[in-house]
Amino acid sequence: QVQLVESGGGSVQTGGSLRLSCVASGRTFSGYLMAWFRQAPGKEREFVAAIYWDSGRTYDADSVKGRFTISRDNSKNTVYLQMNSLKPEDTAVYYCAAGINGVQVVASGYDYWGQGTQVTVSS
């Protein structure tokens, strides 16, 4: 059974930092694209960043370029999202996802999802 378990969310002030973790288990993720999405109340789930499990090649949304960094540690089966210079508009539930459908920026392109972790940025 595939599981993606996120952690690391919390409340910070504008300009602060958080690091999210996603521990993946239940199958080999070779060939998979691991991604972070976020969803704010009343909004669509939004692509944030993605990384290929094997090559480490990354993709970032324009809204987070230069502030967020996605990385992975294959030995720990873990994907990270380092978030710096946080803004109130970054407030959302952040989800980890895994898919083998190529580079996808829509939620429907992913096969597995975690339960989400809340990030709240106050001004």
Protein backbone atom coordinates (compact mmCIF):
# COMPACT_ATOMS: atom_id res chain seq x y z
CA GLN A 1 0.00 0.00 0.00
CA VAL A 2 1.48 3.30 -1.11
CA GLN A 3 1.71 5.98 1.54
CA LEU A 4 2.86 9.57 1.31
CA VAL A 5 3.11 11.19 4.73
CA GLU A 6 3.73 14.91 4.98
CA SER A 7 5.03 16.79 8.00
CA GLY A 8 6.64 20.10 8.86
CA GLY A 9 3.76 22.49 8.46
CA GLY A 10 3.00 25.19 10.99
CA SER A 11 2.47 28.89 11.57
CA VAL A 12 5.10 31.50 10.77
CA GLN A 13 5.27 35.23 10.21
CA THR A 14 5.91 36.89 6.87
CA GLY A 15 9.50 36.36 5.81
CA GLY A 16 9.88 33.18 7.83
CA SER A 17 10.88 29.71 6.70
CA LEU A 18 9.56 26.17 6.95
CA ARG A 19 10.73 22.83 5.61
CA LEU A 20 8.13 20.28 4.64
CA SER A 21 8.92 16.58 4.42
CA CYS A 22 7.15 13.79 2.57
CA VAL A 23 8.05 10.21 3.43
CA ALA A 24 7.10 7.80 0.65
CA SER A 25 6.56 4.08 1.16
CA GLY A 26 4.82 1.03 -0.25
CA ARG A 27 6.52 0.74 -3.64
CA THR A 28 9.61 1.73 -5.54
CA PHE A 29 9.33 5.26 -6.89
CA SER A 30 11.91 4.89 -9.63
CA GLY A 31 10.58 6.75 -12.67
CA TYR A 32 8.13 8.77 -10.63
CA LEU A 33 7.76 12.51 -10.48
CA MET A 34 7.29 13.66 -6.90
CA ALA A 35 5.47 16.93 -6.45
CA TRP A 36 4.15 19.44 -3.97
CA PHE A 37 0.77 21.05 -4.48
CA ARG A 38 -1.10 23.48 -2.28
CA GLN A 39 -4.72 24.37 -1.80
CA ALA A 40 -6.04 27.49 -0.13
CA PRO A 41 -9.67 27.70 1.05
CA GLY A 42 -12.02 28.18 -1.88
CA LYS A 43 -9.28 27.73 -4.48
CA GLU A 44 -8.13 25.00 -6.84
CA ARG A 45 -5.25 22.75 -5.92
CA GLU A 46 -2.15 24.50 -7.28
CA PHE A 47 1.16 23.06 -8.48
CA VAL A 48 4.15 24.26 -6.46
CA ALA A 49 7.20 22.19 -7.43
CA ALA A 50 8.25 18.74 -8.61
CA ILE A 51 11.34 16.55 -8.76
CA TYR A 52 12.15 13.36 -10.59
CA TRP A 53 12.97 10.58 -8.15
CA ASP A 54 15.85 9.23 -10.25
CA SER A 55 17.51 12.24 -11.89
CA GLY A 56 16.65 14.93 -9.38
CA ARG A 57 15.56 17.30 -12.15
CA THR A 58 13.25 19.92 -10.71
CA TYR A 59 10.37 22.10 -11.85
CA ASP A 60 9.00 25.14 -9.99
CA ALA A 61 5.91 27.27 -10.30
CA ASP A 62 6.64 30.91 -11.14
CA SER A 63 4.99 32.01 -7.90
CA VAL A 64 7.65 30.26 -5.79
CA LYS A 65 10.79 30.58 -7.92
CA GLY A 66 13.71 31.83 -5.88
CA ARG A 67 11.90 31.21 -2.59
CA PHE A 68 11.05 27.48 -2.49
CA THR A 69 13.40 24.59 -3.20
CA ILE A 70 12.37 20.99 -3.73
CA SER A 71 14.85 18.20 -3.05
CA ARG A 72 14.90 14.50 -2.25
CA ASP A 73 16.91 12.02 -0.26
CA ASN A 74 16.48 8.66 -1.91
CA SER A 75 18.17 6.85 0.97
CA LYS A 76 15.40 8.10 3.25
CA ASN A 77 12.59 7.85 0.69
CA THR A 78 11.87 11.48 1.49
CA VAL A 79 11.06 14.56 -0.56
CA TYR A 80 11.50 18.00 0.94
CA LEU A 81 10.17 21.47 0.25
CA GLN A 82 12.28 24.24 1.75
CA MET A 83 10.18 27.38 1.88
CA ASN A 84 11.87 30.72 2.51
CA SER A 85 10.64 34.32 2.43
CA LEU A 86 7.12 33.12 3.12
CA LYS A 87 4.20 35.42 2.31
CA PRO A 88 0.60 35.40 3.55
CA GLU A 89 -0.49 34.23 0.08
CA ASP A 90 1.51 31.03 0.66
CA THR A 91 -1.03 30.04 3.32
CA ALA A 92 -2.58 26.72 2.27
CA VAL A 93 -2.68 23.01 2.90
CA TYR A 94 0.38 21.52 1.21
CA TYR A 95 0.12 18.08 -0.36
CA CYS A 96 2.75 15.63 -1.54
CA ALA A 97 1.96 13.70 -4.73
CA ALA A 98 3.55 11.03 -6.91
CA GLY A 99 2.89 10.27 -10.56
CA ILE A 100 4.43 8.43 -13.49
CA ASN A 101 2.69 10.43 -16.20
CA GLY A 102 5.51 12.79 -17.14
CA VAL A 103 5.73 16.41 -16.09
CA GLN A 104 2.28 17.40 -14.89
CA VAL A 105 1.16 20.67 -13.29
CA VAL A 106 -2.41 19.57 -12.74
CA ALA A 107 -3.57 17.42 -9.85
CA SER A 108 -5.22 14.89 -12.14
CA GLY A 109 -1.79 13.91 -13.44
CA TYR A 110 -0.76 12.28 -10.18
CA ASP A 111 -1.57 8.83 -8.88
CA TYR A 112 -0.86 9.03 -5.16
CA TRP A 113 -1.48 11.73 -2.58
CA GLY A 114 -0.66 12.43 1.03
CA GLN A 115 -3.09 13.78 3.58
CA GLY A 116 -1.68 17.30 3.58
CA THR A 117 -0.04 19.62 6.10
CA GLN A 118 -1.23 23.13 6.96
CA VAL A 119 1.03 26.13 6.42
CA THR A 120 -0.15 29.48 7.78
CA VAL A 121 1.76 32.70 7.18
CA SER A 122 0.67 35.76 9.13
CA SER A 123 1.45 39.37 8.28
